C-alpha atoms as a PDB file:
ATOM      1  CA  UNK A   1     -30.192  28.636 -84.291  1.00  0.00           C
ATOM      2  CA  UNK A   2     -28.940  26.667 -82.079  1.00  0.00           C
ATOM      3  CA  UNK A   3     -30.444  23.217 -81.026  1.00  0.00           C
ATOM      4  CA  UNK A   4     -32.537  23.691 -77.454  1.00  0.00           C
ATOM      5  CA  UNK A   5     -30.799  20.635 -75.994  1.00  0.00           C
ATOM      6  CA  UNK A   6     -27.195  20.648 -77.266  1.00  0.00           C
ATOM      7  CA  UNK A   7     -24.872  18.930 -75.004  1.00  0.00           C
ATOM      8  CA  UNK A   8     -27.876  17.407 -72.747  1.00  0.00           C
ATOM      9  CA  UNK A   9     -27.888  13.795 -72.104  1.00  0.00           C
ATOM     10  CA  UNK A  10     -31.227  11.972 -71.896  1.00  0.00           C
ATOM     11  CA  UNK A  11     -32.555   8.760 -71.383  1.00  0.00           C
ATOM     12  CA  UNK A  12     -35.792   7.390 -72.620  1.00  0.00           C
ATOM     13  CA  UNK A  13     -37.019   4.271 -70.842  1.00  0.00           C
ATOM     14  CA  UNK A  14     -39.086   2.249 -73.485  1.00  0.00           C
ATOM     15  CA  UNK A  15     -37.849   3.964 -76.323  1.00  0.00           C
ATOM     16  CA  UNK A  16     -37.771   1.521 -79.092  1.00  0.00           C
ATOM     17  CA  UNK A  17     -41.131   2.180 -80.086  1.00  0.00           C
ATOM     18  CA  UNK A  18     -44.441   4.066 -79.516  1.00  0.00           C
ATOM     19  CA  UNK A  19     -44.304   7.216 -77.381  1.00  0.00           C
ATOM     20  CA  UNK A  20     -40.774   6.766 -76.018  1.00  0.00           C
ATOM     21  CA  UNK A  21     -39.510   6.486 -79.627  1.00  0.00           C
ATOM     22  CA  UNK A  22     -41.235   9.597 -80.270  1.00  0.00           C
ATOM     23  CA  UNK A  23     -39.803  11.217 -77.618  1.00  0.00           C
ATOM     24  CA  UNK A  24     -36.463   9.793 -78.436  1.00  0.00           C
ATOM     25  CA  UNK A  25     -36.353  11.283 -81.792  1.00  0.00           C
ATOM     26  CA  UNK A  26     -37.672  14.798 -80.949  1.00  0.00           C
ATOM     27  CA  UNK A  27     -34.730  14.824 -78.256  1.00  0.00           C
ATOM     28  CA  UNK A  28     -32.488  13.932 -81.078  1.00  0.00           C
ATOM     29  CA  UNK A  29     -33.762  16.448 -83.123  1.00  0.00           C
ATOM     30  CA  UNK A  30     -32.926  19.140 -80.363  1.00  0.00           C
ATOM     31  CA  UNK A  31     -29.414  17.994 -80.263  1.00  0.00           C
ATOM     32  CA  UNK A  32     -29.550  15.684 -77.350  1.00  0.00           C
ATOM     33  CA  UNK A  33     -27.553  12.660 -76.856  1.00  0.00           C
ATOM     34  CA  UNK A  34     -29.905  10.033 -76.059  1.00  0.00           C
ATOM     35  CA  UNK A  35     -30.017   6.278 -74.971  1.00  0.00           C
ATOM     36  CA  UNK A  36     -33.149   4.199 -75.117  1.00  0.00           C
ATOM     37  CA  UNK A  37     -33.938   0.974 -73.606  1.00  0.00           C
ATOM     38  CA  UNK A  38     -36.659  -1.909 -74.211  1.00  0.00           C
ATOM     39  CA  UNK A  39     -36.997  -5.714 -73.869  1.00  0.00           C
ATOM     40  CA  UNK A  40     -36.529  -6.779 -77.346  1.00  0.00           C
ATOM     41  CA  UNK A  41     -33.142  -6.730 -78.714  1.00  0.00           C
ATOM     42  CA  UNK A  42     -34.024  -6.659 -82.153  1.00  0.00           C
ATOM     43  CA  UNK A  43     -36.443  -3.745 -81.890  1.00  0.00           C
ATOM     44  CA  UNK A  44     -33.954  -1.915 -79.786  1.00  0.00           C
ATOM     45  CA  UNK A  45     -31.250  -2.486 -82.380  1.00  0.00           C
ATOM     46  CA  UNK A  46     -34.046  -1.493 -85.294  1.00  0.00           C
ATOM     47  CA  UNK A  47     -34.896   1.692 -83.597  1.00  0.00           C
ATOM     48  CA  UNK A  48     -31.518   2.729 -83.086  1.00  0.00           C
ATOM     49  CA  UNK A  49     -30.239   2.263 -86.658  1.00  0.00           C
ATOM     50  CA  UNK A  50     -33.428   4.255 -87.829  1.00  0.00           C
ATOM     51  CA  UNK A  51     -32.728   7.047 -85.369  1.00  0.00           C
ATOM     52  CA  UNK A  52     -29.067   7.605 -85.760  1.00  0.00           C
ATOM     53  CA  UNK A  53     -29.540   9.704 -88.792  1.00  0.00           C
ATOM     54  CA  UNK A  54     -30.987  12.251 -86.325  1.00  0.00           C
ATOM     55  CA  UNK A  55     -28.209  12.573 -83.701  1.00  0.00           C
ATOM     56  CA  UNK A  56     -25.883  10.344 -81.465  1.00  0.00           C
ATOM     57  CA  UNK A  57     -28.044   7.636 -79.873  1.00  0.00           C
ATOM     58  CA  UNK A  58     -27.147   4.259 -78.126  1.00  0.00           C
ATOM     59  CA  UNK A  59     -29.718   1.388 -76.861  1.00  0.00           C
ATOM     60  CA  UNK A  60     -29.444  -1.081 -73.973  1.00  0.00           C
ATOM     61  CA  UNK A  61     -31.916  -3.802 -73.177  1.00  0.00           C
ATOM     62  CA  UNK A  62     -33.785  -3.546 -69.813  1.00  0.00           C
ATOM     63  CA  UNK A  63     -36.419  -4.733 -67.793  1.00  0.00           C
ATOM     64  CA  UNK A  64     -37.451  -2.026 -65.819  1.00  0.00           C
ATOM     65  CA  UNK A  65     -39.110  -4.203 -63.236  1.00  0.00           C
ATOM     66  CA  UNK A  66     -35.638  -5.460 -62.131  1.00  0.00           C
ATOM     67  CA  UNK A  67     -33.678  -3.024 -60.242  1.00  0.00           C
ATOM     68  CA  UNK A  68     -30.428  -4.288 -60.918  1.00  0.00           C
ATOM     69  CA  UNK A  69     -31.005  -4.166 -64.492  1.00  0.00           C
ATOM     70  CA  UNK A  70     -32.186  -0.503 -63.959  1.00  0.00           C
ATOM     71  CA  UNK A  71     -29.183   0.110 -62.326  1.00  0.00           C
ATOM     72  CA  UNK A  72     -26.848  -1.236 -65.175  1.00  0.00           C
ATOM     73  CA  UNK A  73     -28.704   0.636 -67.712  1.00  0.00           C
ATOM     74  CA  UNK A  74     -27.694   3.858 -65.715  1.00  0.00           C
ATOM     75  CA  UNK A  75     -24.251   2.581 -65.495  1.00  0.00           C
ATOM     76  CA  UNK A  76     -24.221   2.034 -69.263  1.00  0.00           C
ATOM     77  CA  UNK A  77     -25.336   5.824 -69.717  1.00  0.00           C
ATOM     78  CA  UNK A  78     -22.885   6.991 -67.407  1.00  0.00           C
ATOM     79  CA  UNK A  79     -20.265   4.914 -69.153  1.00  0.00           C
ATOM     80  CA  UNK A  80     -21.248   6.019 -72.802  1.00  0.00           C
ATOM     81  CA  UNK A  81     -22.089   9.854 -72.419  1.00  0.00           C
ATOM     82  CA  UNK A  82     -20.895  10.772 -68.803  1.00  0.00           C
ATOM     83  CA  UNK A  83     -23.700  11.672 -67.132  1.00  0.00           C
ATOM     84  CA  UNK A  84     -27.287  12.059 -67.233  1.00  0.00           C
ATOM     85  CA  UNK A  85     -29.677  15.413 -67.738  1.00  0.00           C
ATOM     86  CA  UNK A  86     -33.040  14.263 -68.630  1.00  0.00           C
ATOM     87  CA  UNK A  87     -34.661  11.297 -67.785  1.00  0.00           C
ATOM     88  CA  UNK A  88     -37.941  10.153 -69.490  1.00  0.00           C
ATOM     89  CA  UNK A  89     -39.793   7.417 -67.544  1.00  0.00           C
ATOM     90  CA  UNK A  90     -41.844   6.043 -70.246  1.00  0.00           C
ATOM     91  CA  UNK A  91     -41.672   2.121 -69.893  1.00  0.00           C
ATOM     92  CA  UNK A  92     -45.203   0.578 -69.431  1.00  0.00           C
ATOM     93  CA  UNK A  93     -46.695  -2.745 -69.646  1.00  0.00           C
ATOM     94  CA  UNK A  94     -50.619  -3.864 -69.716  1.00  0.00           C
ATOM     95  CA  UNK A  95     -52.496  -6.611 -68.827  1.00  0.00           C
ATOM     96  CA  UNK A  96     -56.393  -6.021 -69.043  1.00  0.00           C
ATOM     97  CA  UNK A  97     -58.758  -8.437 -67.155  1.00  0.00           C
ATOM     98  CA  UNK A  98     -61.373  -8.751 -64.570  1.00  0.00           C
ATOM     99  CA  UNK A  99     -59.541  -8.641 -61.379  1.00  0.00           C
ATOM    100  CA  UNK A 100     -60.260 -11.923 -60.033  1.00  0.00           C
ATOM    101  CA  UNK A 101     -58.842 -13.470 -63.578  1.00  0.00           C
ATOM    102  CA  UNK A 102     -55.579 -11.364 -63.311  1.00  0.00           C
ATOM    103  CA  UNK A 103     -52.568 -13.883 -62.388  1.00  0.00           C
ATOM    104  CA  UNK A 104     -49.818 -13.041 -59.890  1.00  0.00           C
ATOM    105  CA  UNK A 105     -47.517 -12.732 -62.524  1.00  0.00           C
ATOM    106  CA  UNK A 106     -49.369 -10.360 -64.542  1.00  0.00           C
ATOM    107  CA  UNK A 107     -50.047  -8.088 -61.686  1.00  0.00           C
ATOM    108  CA  UNK A 108     -46.634  -8.301 -60.448  1.00  0.00           C
ATOM    109  CA  UNK A 109     -45.121  -7.369 -64.103  1.00  0.00           C
ATOM    110  CA  UNK A 110     -47.660  -4.108 -64.315  1.00  0.00           C
ATOM    111  CA  UNK A 111     -46.890  -2.949 -60.849  1.00  0.00           C
ATOM    112  CA  UNK A 112     -43.083  -3.564 -61.160  1.00  0.00           C
ATOM    113  CA  UNK A 113     -42.610  -2.176 -64.662  1.00  0.00           C
ATOM    114  CA  UNK A 114     -44.928   0.647 -64.080  1.00  0.00           C
ATOM    115  CA  UNK A 115     -44.643   2.032 -60.800  1.00  0.00           C
ATOM    116  CA  UNK A 116     -41.288   0.115 -59.097  1.00  0.00           C
ATOM    117  CA  UNK A 117     -39.372   0.698 -62.377  1.00  0.00           C
ATOM    118  CA  UNK A 118     -39.961   4.731 -62.151  1.00  0.00           C
ATOM    119  CA  UNK A 119     -38.574   4.512 -58.628  1.00  0.00           C
ATOM    120  CA  UNK A 120     -35.690   2.594 -59.622  1.00  0.00           C
ATOM    121  CA  UNK A 121     -34.781   4.769 -62.506  1.00  0.00           C
ATOM    122  CA  UNK A 122     -35.113   7.948 -60.569  1.00  0.00           C
ATOM    123  CA  UNK A 123     -33.526   6.561 -57.659  1.00  0.00           C
ATOM    124  CA  UNK A 124     -30.435   5.889 -59.910  1.00  0.00           C
ATOM    125  CA  UNK A 125     -30.631   8.879 -62.020  1.00  0.00           C
ATOM    126  CA  UNK A 126     -30.759  11.586 -59.402  1.00  0.00           C
ATOM    127  CA  UNK A 127     -27.297  11.338 -58.209  1.00  0.00           C
ATOM    128  CA  UNK A 128     -25.991  11.953 -61.961  1.00  0.00           C
ATOM    129  CA  UNK A 129     -28.043  14.899 -62.205  1.00  0.00           C
ATOM    130  CA  UNK A 130     -26.654  16.508 -59.244  1.00  0.00           C
ATOM    131  CA  UNK A 131     -23.299  15.974 -60.274  1.00  0.00           C
ATOM    132  CA  UNK A 132     -24.388  17.945 -63.407  1.00  0.00           C
ATOM    133  CA  UNK A 133     -26.124  20.766 -61.447  1.00  0.00           C
ATOM    134  CA  UNK A 134     -29.658  19.713 -61.689  1.00  0.00           C
ATOM    135  CA  UNK A 135     -31.913  17.898 -64.781  1.00  0.00           C
ATOM    136  CA  UNK A 136     -35.350  17.142 -65.652  1.00  0.00           C
ATOM    137  CA  UNK A 137     -37.354  13.906 -64.918  1.00  0.00           C
ATOM    138  CA  UNK A 138     -40.745  13.545 -67.067  1.00  0.00           C
ATOM    139  CA  UNK A 139     -42.989  10.703 -65.953  1.00  0.00           C
ATOM    140  CA  UNK A 140     -45.110   9.180 -68.923  1.00  0.00           C
ATOM    141  CA  UNK A 141     -48.481   8.410 -66.812  1.00  0.00           C
ATOM    142  CA  UNK A 142     -52.018   7.953 -67.945  1.00  0.00           C
ATOM    143  CA  UNK A 143     -55.622   9.247 -67.823  1.00  0.00           C
ATOM    144  CA  UNK A 144     -55.913   6.010 -66.583  1.00  0.00           C
ATOM    145  CA  UNK A 145     -54.292   7.297 -63.209  1.00  0.00           C
ATOM    146  CA  UNK A 146     -57.504   9.178 -62.589  1.00  0.00           C
ATOM    147  CA  UNK A 147     -60.284   7.444 -64.628  1.00  0.00           C
ATOM    148  CA  UNK A 148     -60.505   3.834 -63.470  1.00  0.00           C
ATOM    149  CA  UNK A 149     -62.453   1.087 -66.314  1.00  0.00           C
ATOM    150  CA  UNK A 150     -63.178  -2.435 -65.972  1.00  0.00           C
ATOM    151  CA  UNK A 151     -60.752  -4.879 -66.540  1.00  0.00           C
ATOM    152  CA  UNK A 152     -57.949  -2.268 -65.345  1.00  0.00           C
ATOM    153  CA  UNK A 153     -57.290  -2.707 -61.805  1.00  0.00           C
ATOM    154  CA  UNK A 154     -53.635  -3.722 -62.155  1.00  0.00           C
ATOM    155  CA  UNK A 155     -53.056  -0.801 -64.823  1.00  0.00           C
ATOM    156  CA  UNK A 156     -55.180   1.745 -62.872  1.00  0.00           C
ATOM    157  CA  UNK A 157     -53.411   0.931 -59.785  1.00  0.00           C
ATOM    158  CA  UNK A 158     -49.959   1.475 -61.402  1.00  0.00           C
ATOM    159  CA  UNK A 159     -50.778   4.694 -62.832  1.00  0.00           C
ATOM    160  CA  UNK A 160     -52.526   5.916 -59.651  1.00  0.00           C
ATOM    161  CA  UNK A 161     -49.576   5.394 -57.720  1.00  0.00           C
ATOM    162  CA  UNK A 162     -47.608   7.010 -60.314  1.00  0.00           C
ATOM    163  CA  UNK A 163     -49.591  10.401 -60.023  1.00  0.00           C
ATOM    164  CA  UNK A 164     -48.702  10.338 -56.346  1.00  0.00           C
ATOM    165  CA  UNK A 165     -45.316   9.513 -56.664  1.00  0.00           C
ATOM    166  CA  UNK A 166     -45.011  11.946 -59.204  1.00  0.00           C
ATOM    167  CA  UNK A 167     -46.254  14.753 -56.938  1.00  0.00           C
ATOM    168  CA  UNK A 168     -43.637  13.556 -53.931  1.00  0.00           C
ATOM    169  CA  UNK A 169     -40.870  13.418 -56.471  1.00  0.00           C
ATOM    170  CA  UNK A 170     -41.481  16.796 -57.487  1.00  0.00           C
ATOM    171  CA  UNK A 171     -41.459  18.031 -54.156  1.00  0.00           C
ATOM    172  CA  UNK A 172     -38.624  16.241 -52.942  1.00  0.00           C
ATOM    173  CA  UNK A 173     -36.065  17.102 -55.905  1.00  0.00           C
ATOM    174  CA  UNK A 174     -37.160  20.791 -56.410  1.00  0.00           C
ATOM    175  CA  UNK A 175     -34.529  22.109 -54.233  1.00  0.00           C
ATOM    176  CA  UNK A 176     -31.969  19.728 -56.135  1.00  0.00           C
ATOM    177  CA  UNK A 177     -32.418  21.880 -59.283  1.00  0.00           C
ATOM    178  CA  UNK A 178     -34.146  18.783 -60.570  1.00  0.00           C
ATOM    179  CA  UNK A 179     -37.729  19.744 -62.051  1.00  0.00           C
ATOM    180  CA  UNK A 180     -40.559  16.742 -62.176  1.00  0.00           C
ATOM    181  CA  UNK A 181     -43.360  16.621 -64.662  1.00  0.00           C
ATOM    182  CA  UNK A 182     -45.765  14.406 -65.833  1.00  0.00           C
ATOM    183  CA  UNK A 183     -47.872  13.863 -68.987  1.00  0.00           C
ATOM    184  CA  UNK A 184     -51.204  11.870 -68.786  1.00  0.00           C
ATOM    185  CA  UNK A 185     -52.482  10.923 -72.366  1.00  0.00           C
ATOM    186  CA  UNK A 186     -55.522   9.555 -73.411  1.00  0.00           C
ATOM    187  CA  UNK A 187     -56.198   7.338 -76.359  1.00  0.00           C
ATOM    188  CA  UNK A 188     -52.751   7.574 -78.273  1.00  0.00           C
ATOM    189  CA  UNK A 189     -52.282   5.918 -81.709  1.00  0.00           C
ATOM    190  CA  UNK A 190     -49.785   2.944 -80.368  1.00  0.00           C
ATOM    191  CA  UNK A 191     -50.450  -0.897 -80.495  1.00  0.00           C
ATOM    192  CA  UNK A 192     -50.439  -0.685 -76.466  1.00  0.00           C
ATOM    193  CA  UNK A 193     -53.768  -2.328 -75.846  1.00  0.00           C
ATOM    194  CA  UNK A 194     -54.680  -5.429 -77.311  1.00  0.00           C
ATOM    195  CA  UNK A 195     -57.785  -5.317 -79.278  1.00  0.00           C
ATOM    196  CA  UNK A 196     -57.509  -1.566 -79.825  1.00  0.00           C
ATOM    197  CA  UNK A 197     -57.169   0.198 -83.015  1.00  0.00           C
ATOM    198  CA  UNK A 198     -53.808   1.471 -84.070  1.00  0.00           C
ATOM    199  CA  UNK A 199     -54.890   3.898 -86.262  1.00  0.00           C
ATOM    200  CA  UNK A 200     -57.760   6.245 -85.971  1.00  0.00           C
ATOM    201  CA  UNK A 201     -57.491   9.816 -86.813  1.00  0.00           C
ATOM    202  CA  UNK A 202     -59.297  10.947 -83.872  1.00  0.00           C
ATOM    203  CA  UNK A 203     -56.694   9.730 -81.423  1.00  0.00           C
ATOM    204  CA  UNK A 204     -53.475  11.637 -80.351  1.00  0.00           C
ATOM    205  CA  UNK A 205     -50.257  11.167 -82.318  1.00  0.00           C
ATOM    206  CA  UNK A 206     -47.160  10.055 -80.651  1.00  0.00           C
ATOM    207  CA  UNK A 207     -45.331  13.047 -82.219  1.00  0.00           C
ATOM    208  CA  UNK A 208     -47.804  15.248 -80.434  1.00  0.00           C
ATOM    209  CA  UNK A 209     -47.150  13.836 -77.060  1.00  0.00           C
ATOM    210  CA  UNK A 210     -43.471  14.101 -77.971  1.00  0.00           C
ATOM    211  CA  UNK A 211     -43.632  17.949 -78.869  1.00  0.00           C
ATOM    212  CA  UNK A 212     -45.503  18.500 -75.651  1.00  0.00           C
ATOM    213  CA  UNK A 213     -42.665  16.646 -73.672  1.00  0.00           C
ATOM    214  CA  UNK A 214     -39.849  18.858 -75.555  1.00  0.00           C
ATOM    215  CA  UNK A 215     -41.814  21.845 -74.777  1.00  0.00           C
ATOM    216  CA  UNK A 216     -41.624  21.143 -70.943  1.00  0.00           C
ATOM    217  CA  UNK A 217     -38.136  20.095 -70.891  1.00  0.00           C
ATOM    218  CA  UNK A 218     -37.172  23.245 -72.683  1.00  0.00           C
ATOM    219  CA  UNK A 219     -39.233  25.638 -70.617  1.00  0.00           C
ATOM    220  CA  UNK A 220     -37.488  28.311 -68.846  1.00  0.00           C
ATOM    221  CA  UNK A 221     -36.086  26.735 -65.539  1.00  0.00           C
ATOM    222  CA  UNK A 222     -38.366  29.279 -63.206  1.00  0.00           C
ATOM    223  CA  UNK A 223     -41.356  27.414 -64.684  1.00  0.00           C
ATOM    224  CA  UNK A 224     -42.824  24.046 -64.034  1.00  0.00           C
ATOM    225  CA  UNK A 225     -45.791  22.615 -65.655  1.00  0.00           C
ATOM    226  CA  UNK A 226     -46.221  19.642 -63.160  1.00  0.00           C
ATOM    227  CA  UNK A 227     -49.169  17.965 -64.891  1.00  0.00           C
ATOM    228  CA  UNK A 228     -50.163  17.944 -68.045  1.00  0.00           C
ATOM    229  CA  UNK A 229     -53.522  15.961 -69.371  1.00  0.00           C
ATOM    230  CA  UNK A 230     -53.827  15.341 -73.162  1.00  0.00           C
ATOM    231  CA  UNK A 231     -56.864  13.797 -74.592  1.00  0.00           C
ATOM    232  CA  UNK A 232     -58.136  13.819 -78.210  1.00  0.00           C
ATOM    233  CA  UNK A 233     -60.092  16.955 -78.984  1.00  0.00           C
ATOM    234  CA  UNK A 234     -62.965  15.282 -80.717  1.00  0.00           C
ATOM    235  CA  UNK A 235     -63.196  11.378 -79.923  1.00  0.00           C
ATOM    236  CA  UNK A 236     -66.167   9.512 -81.124  1.00  0.00           C
ATOM    237  CA  UNK A 237     -69.381  10.000 -79.802  1.00  0.00           C
ATOM    238  CA  UNK A 238     -70.881   7.403 -77.213  1.00  0.00           C
END
């Protein structure tokens, strides 16, 4: 049986670990050519080496909060693979503290990466997709985009903003034959939030999120699930 994404070119931001890496792996398994980015050259090199057995993959360092680096990243994808069909905006950072204790640098890093970075990548990706007749943009949000929590001011703001941007993006691009969707996970087995447990059998797995991502991307073109909320079915009782 033919791979669902054979001949497609994908970019996964923040793809060297966690949810991004799982999505990159799933896309490779479906035949896509994949580029991943991250801030650490060491982590990126390791991920590319380990995932290369799954298919054709490349990596490039990028700080998603810097527009010039994002433009260079998209240029790298165009030069290496010849275009772009799928963009997964996954890169994210978090600083968690009461709002009066957040530094200006922490606030800016969260907003610049989690919100502005999606804008930078999408703005650069759309012309590439238009040249290929369309594409798919998947934004990885969070249930923190609708459920604020103490010490989450910067992170909540970035994810609430991403919800609005994703909806507007979907309406802006639908007649360009570019579908836009968003996955909003709850608790996931990752090392993302300091002090949290990386391994808990009740949490969502990164693989489950990746499988949902592939399902959305490969749905018939007439269909669009514009937002998917994912949460553990049986979290611990409070």
